[in-house]
Protein backbone atom coordinates (compact mmCIF):
# COMPACT_ATOMS: atom_id res chain seq x y z
CA ALA A 1 -30.16 -1.81 -21.03
CA LEU A 2 -27.94 -3.62 -23.55
CA GLU A 3 -25.35 -0.84 -23.39
CA ARG A 4 -25.39 -1.00 -19.60
CA GLN A 5 -24.95 -4.78 -19.68
CA LYS A 6 -22.02 -4.42 -22.11
CA LEU A 7 -20.40 -1.83 -19.83
CA GLU A 8 -20.82 -4.12 -16.82
CA GLU A 9 -19.20 -6.98 -18.71
CA GLU A 10 -16.26 -4.77 -19.72
CA LEU A 11 -15.80 -3.64 -16.11
CA GLU A 12 -15.75 -7.27 -14.99
CA ILE A 13 -13.00 -7.97 -17.52
CA ALA A 14 -11.11 -4.91 -16.26
CA ARG A 15 -11.53 -6.18 -12.69
CA ASP A 16 -10.03 -9.55 -13.61
CA ILE A 17 -7.09 -7.83 -15.32
CA GLN A 18 -6.51 -5.63 -12.28
CA ARG A 19 -6.61 -8.62 -9.93
CA ASN A 20 -3.84 -10.17 -11.99
CA LEU A 21 -1.69 -7.07 -11.36
CA LEU A 22 -1.78 -7.76 -7.63
CA PRO A 23 0.20 -10.61 -6.03
CA HIS A 24 -1.34 -14.06 -6.54
CA SER A 25 0.46 -15.38 -3.48
CA ILE A 26 2.64 -14.04 -0.69
CA PRO A 27 6.34 -14.96 -0.96
CA GLN A 28 7.65 -16.93 2.01
CA PHE A 29 10.74 -15.86 3.95
CA ALA A 30 12.21 -17.56 7.00
CA SER A 31 12.51 -14.36 9.04
CA PHE A 32 9.30 -12.60 7.95
CA ASP A 33 5.65 -13.47 8.44
CA ILE A 34 3.61 -11.57 5.80
CA ALA A 35 -0.12 -11.06 5.22
CA ALA A 36 -1.89 -8.69 2.82
CA MET A 37 -5.36 -7.85 1.48
CA ASN A 38 -7.03 -5.51 -1.01
CA LEU A 39 -10.72 -4.64 -1.24
CA SER A 40 -11.96 -2.26 -3.95
CA SER A 41 -14.95 -0.03 -3.33
CA LYS A 42 -15.94 -0.37 -7.00
CA GLN A 43 -15.39 -3.02 -9.66
CA VAL A 44 -11.94 -1.54 -10.27
CA GLY A 45 -9.94 0.63 -7.92
CA GLY A 46 -6.86 2.76 -7.41
CA ASP A 47 -5.15 0.99 -4.52
CA TYR A 48 -2.05 -1.04 -5.24
CA TYR A 49 0.31 -3.23 -3.30
CA ASP A 50 3.05 -5.61 -4.24
CA ILE A 51 5.62 -7.91 -2.66
CA ILE A 52 8.45 -8.57 -5.09
CA PRO A 53 11.31 -10.98 -4.26
CA LEU A 54 14.65 -9.44 -5.28
CA ASP A 55 16.81 -12.43 -4.39
CA GLU A 56 16.82 -15.25 -1.84
CA LYS A 57 17.41 -12.86 1.07
CA SER A 58 15.51 -9.66 0.27
CA PHE A 59 12.27 -8.39 -1.18
CA CYS A 60 10.50 -5.16 -2.08
CA VAL A 61 7.17 -4.31 -0.47
CA ALA A 62 5.14 -1.43 -1.88
CA ILE A 63 1.78 0.22 -1.30
CA ALA A 64 0.11 3.03 -3.25
CA ASP A 65 -3.15 4.95 -3.40
CA VAL A 66 -4.18 6.72 -6.62
CA SER A 67 -6.36 9.80 -6.23
CA GLY A 68 -9.93 9.23 -7.34
CA LYS A 69 -11.72 5.96 -7.96
CA GLY A 70 -12.91 3.70 -10.72
CA VAL A 71 -11.39 3.26 -14.17
CA PRO A 72 -9.15 6.40 -14.27
CA ALA A 73 -7.55 5.41 -10.97
CA ALA A 74 -7.18 1.81 -12.11
CA LEU A 75 -5.30 2.88 -15.24
CA LEU A 76 -2.81 4.89 -13.17
CA MET A 77 -2.49 1.95 -10.80
CA ALA A 78 -1.50 -0.26 -13.73
CA ASN A 79 1.09 2.38 -14.67
CA ILE A 80 2.87 2.31 -11.34
CA GLN A 81 2.74 -1.48 -11.23
CA ALA A 82 4.56 -1.69 -14.56
CA PHE A 83 7.16 0.90 -13.56
CA LEU A 84 7.83 -0.81 -10.24
CA LYS A 85 8.28 -4.27 -11.75
CA ILE A 86 10.83 -2.97 -14.26
CA ILE A 87 12.75 -0.80 -11.79
CA CYS A 88 13.05 -3.64 -9.26
CA ARG A 89 14.95 -5.66 -11.86
CA HIS A 90 17.60 -2.97 -12.26
CA GLY A 91 18.72 -2.76 -8.63
CA MET A 92 18.56 1.04 -8.38
CA ASN A 93 18.89 2.89 -5.08
CA LEU A 94 15.48 3.63 -3.55
CA ASP A 95 15.88 7.42 -3.60
CA GLU A 96 16.94 7.52 -7.27
CA ALA A 97 14.31 4.96 -8.25
CA THR A 98 11.54 6.93 -6.51
CA ALA A 99 12.60 10.09 -8.35
CA LEU A 100 12.47 8.18 -11.65
CA ILE A 101 9.02 6.75 -10.88
CA ASN A 102 7.77 10.23 -10.00
CA ASP A 103 9.07 11.68 -13.26
CA LEU A 104 7.44 8.88 -15.27
CA ILE A 105 4.13 9.21 -13.44
CA THR A 106 4.18 13.00 -13.86
CA GLU A 107 4.45 12.54 -17.63
CA ASN A 108 1.33 10.34 -17.60
CA THR A 109 -0.96 12.30 -15.27
CA SER A 110 -3.28 15.25 -15.80
CA ASP A 111 -6.20 17.06 -14.16
CA GLY A 112 -4.61 17.04 -10.72
CA LYS A 113 -4.24 13.28 -10.43
CA PHE A 114 -1.56 12.01 -8.07
CA ILE A 115 -0.38 8.89 -6.23
CA THR A 116 0.68 8.48 -2.63
CA PHE A 117 3.33 5.78 -2.49
CA CYS A 118 5.56 4.03 0.01
CA TRP A 119 7.99 1.21 -0.63
CA ALA A 120 10.76 -0.56 1.20
CA ILE A 121 13.48 -3.14 0.78
CA MET A 122 13.34 -5.80 3.50
CA ASP A 123 16.69 -7.52 3.99
CA GLU A 124 16.46 -10.90 5.67
CA GLU A 125 20.20 -11.42 6.03
CA ASN A 126 20.98 -8.06 7.64
CA LYS A 127 17.57 -7.70 9.33
CA THR A 128 16.97 -4.20 7.99
CA ILE A 129 14.28 -2.14 6.29
CA ASN A 130 15.21 0.66 3.91
CA TYR A 131 12.25 2.75 2.80
CA VAL A 132 11.02 5.87 1.01
CA ASN A 133 7.62 7.42 1.70
CA ALA A 134 6.22 9.61 -1.08
CA GLY A 135 3.35 11.29 0.74
CA HIS A 136 1.62 8.08 1.81
CA ASN A 137 0.01 7.31 5.17
CA PRO A 138 3.10 6.58 7.30
CA PRO A 139 3.45 2.83 7.92
CA LEU A 140 3.49 1.86 11.59
CA LEU A 141 6.53 0.08 13.02
CA ILE A 142 5.52 -1.45 16.36
CA ARG A 143 8.33 -2.30 18.74
CA GLU A 144 8.10 -3.02 22.48
CA GLY A 145 4.69 -1.40 22.83
CA ARG A 146 5.62 1.77 20.97
CA ILE A 147 4.84 2.99 17.47
CA ARG A 148 7.29 4.60 15.09
CA LYS A 149 5.84 6.20 11.97
CA LEU A 150 7.86 5.77 8.78
CA ASP A 151 7.49 9.20 7.19
CA LYS A 152 10.88 9.91 5.59
CA GLY A 153 10.73 10.49 1.84
CA GLY A 154 9.36 13.37 -0.19
CA LEU A 155 6.55 14.62 -2.41
CA ILE A 156 3.61 12.55 -3.61
CA LEU A 157 3.98 11.14 -7.13
CA GLY A 158 2.63 12.81 -10.25
CA VAL A 159 2.36 16.44 -9.17
CA MET A 160 5.64 17.73 -10.65
CA LYS A 161 9.01 16.48 -11.84
CA THR A 162 11.48 15.69 -9.07
CA PHE A 163 13.31 18.85 -7.98
CA ARG A 164 14.51 17.68 -4.57
CA PRO A 165 16.02 14.25 -3.85
CA TYR A 166 13.86 11.76 -1.97
CA GLU A 167 15.10 10.75 1.48
CA THR A 168 15.63 7.16 2.51
CA GLU A 169 15.83 5.76 6.01
CA LEU A 170 17.54 2.52 7.02
CA ILE A 171 16.24 0.85 10.18
CA GLU A 172 17.69 -2.19 11.90
CA LEU A 173 14.91 -4.62 12.72
CA GLN A 174 14.53 -6.50 15.99
CA SER A 175 12.80 -9.75 16.85
CA GLY A 176 9.09 -9.13 17.39
CA ASP A 177 8.89 -5.97 15.25
CA ILE A 178 5.60 -5.51 13.38
CA LEU A 179 5.15 -3.37 10.28
CA VAL A 180 1.65 -2.23 9.27
CA MET A 181 1.22 -0.57 5.86
CA PHE A 182 -2.22 0.71 4.87
CA THR A 183 -4.19 3.07 2.64
CA ASP A 184 -6.56 5.75 3.91
CA GLY A 185 -9.52 3.50 3.17
CA ILE A 186 -8.74 2.05 6.61
CA THR A 187 -8.41 5.21 8.68
CA GLU A 188 -11.06 7.21 6.81
CA ALA A 189 -13.75 4.51 6.86
CA MET A 190 -16.91 6.15 8.20
CA ASN A 191 -19.70 4.85 10.41
CA LYS A 192 -23.39 5.76 10.19
CA VAL A 193 -22.96 9.06 12.06
CA GLY A 194 -20.02 10.22 9.95
CA ASP A 195 -17.18 9.47 12.36
CA GLU A 196 -13.92 8.19 10.85
CA PHE A 197 -12.16 5.06 12.03
CA SER A 198 -9.09 7.31 12.50
CA ASP A 199 -5.35 6.81 12.88
CA GLU A 200 -5.72 6.79 16.65
CA ARG A 201 -8.14 3.88 16.63
CA LEU A 202 -5.88 1.91 14.27
CA GLU A 203 -2.84 2.54 16.45
CA GLU A 204 -4.66 1.49 19.62
CA LEU A 205 -5.81 -1.67 17.88
CA VAL A 206 -2.40 -2.77 16.59
CA LEU A 207 -0.80 -2.20 19.99
CA LYS A 208 -3.19 -4.84 21.36
CA GLN A 209 -2.18 -7.40 18.69
CA THR A 210 1.58 -7.61 19.23
CA ASP A 211 1.51 -11.27 20.28
CA LYS A 212 -0.33 -12.44 17.16
CA LYS A 213 0.74 -13.67 13.74
CA ALA A 214 0.58 -11.37 10.72
CA ALA A 215 -2.59 -12.95 9.30
CA GLU A 216 -4.33 -12.67 12.68
CA ILE A 217 -3.39 -9.00 13.02
CA LEU A 218 -4.62 -8.30 9.49
CA LEU A 219 -7.92 -10.10 10.09
CA SER A 220 -8.43 -8.23 13.36
CA ILE A 221 -7.95 -4.85 11.69
CA GLN A 222 -10.17 -5.79 8.74
CA THR A 223 -12.91 -7.03 11.08
CA GLU A 224 -12.76 -3.91 13.29
CA VAL A 225 -13.05 -1.62 10.26
CA GLN A 226 -15.96 -3.60 8.81
CA ASN A 227 -17.79 -3.62 12.14
CA PHE A 228 -17.16 0.11 12.60
CA ALA A 229 -18.54 0.93 9.15
CA ALA A 230 -21.39 -1.64 9.23
CA GLY A 231 -24.48 -0.42 7.42
CA THR A 232 -22.62 2.15 5.31
CA PHE A 233 -21.33 2.12 1.73
CA GLN A 234 -17.61 1.45 1.36
CA SER A 235 -16.52 4.80 -0.06
CA ASP A 236 -12.85 4.03 -0.69
CA ASP A 237 -10.56 1.16 -1.58
CA ILE A 238 -8.94 -0.65 1.34
CA THR A 239 -5.45 -2.14 1.27
CA LEU A 240 -3.49 -3.51 4.21
CA ILE A 241 -0.11 -5.23 4.62
CA VAL A 242 1.20 -6.70 7.88
CA ILE A 243 4.78 -7.95 8.22
CA ARG A 244 6.10 -9.48 11.43
C-alpha cells in the first residue's frame, strides 16, 4: 500500500510537470480567435498541443498524438515539445523542420512507438496558413458551409529516418474561416454499445457551429463527445484546437 501511494504521488508530480509543458494561456491576435483544450485519460498522457508566437504577426500551432498511453507516451510527448520549441526559434522552413523533428524522434523511439503530428504557421498580416501533416487526423478547414481536410505532408514521426521530403501547403484564409484540429480521442470516443463518435459526426457538428466563436465551438464539440460517451471510461486522451 505504501509503494502504491508513493507511485500515485510520483504520477501526480509527473502530471503537474506535463501540464506545464502545455500552454498556460492562449496568445491573443487581432485577426484570430483561438480556443484549445486537453483532457488526459490517465494521470499523464501522450497528446500534445502548442501555440507559439513567432513574432507580432504570426504564430505556430501544433498538435500531436503519441502512440500508447501513460508514462511512456508522456515522455515522448515531452520530447517533441522540446524539439518544437527549439526549432521555432530558428525560423526553419516547415518541410525541412518536420524532417529534422522526424529524424530526432526516430533516434529516441523503440518498440514501434510513433507520433502523429500536424503543425502550421498562421500569418496574420498575409492571412495565410502554411502547414505540414505528418500522418495526423486531417484538421478541418470550414469555409462557406464546406469542409476542406488538410492532409498534405508525409509519414508519421518516429518510424524511420526521413527519406522523402515532407510536403507543405499554403492556403489563403478568408473572413469567417474556421480551423478545427483534433486528436483521435474525439472521433474514436465510444458509447456504451461500442459505436464511435466518428469523423462524420464531428464534421456534421462543426458545420452547424459556423456562426459561433471559437470557445463556443470548442465547448459544443467537447459537450457532444462527453454526452455521446456518457457512462463509459475515457479510453484515450482528447485534445482539440479551434481557430476562427
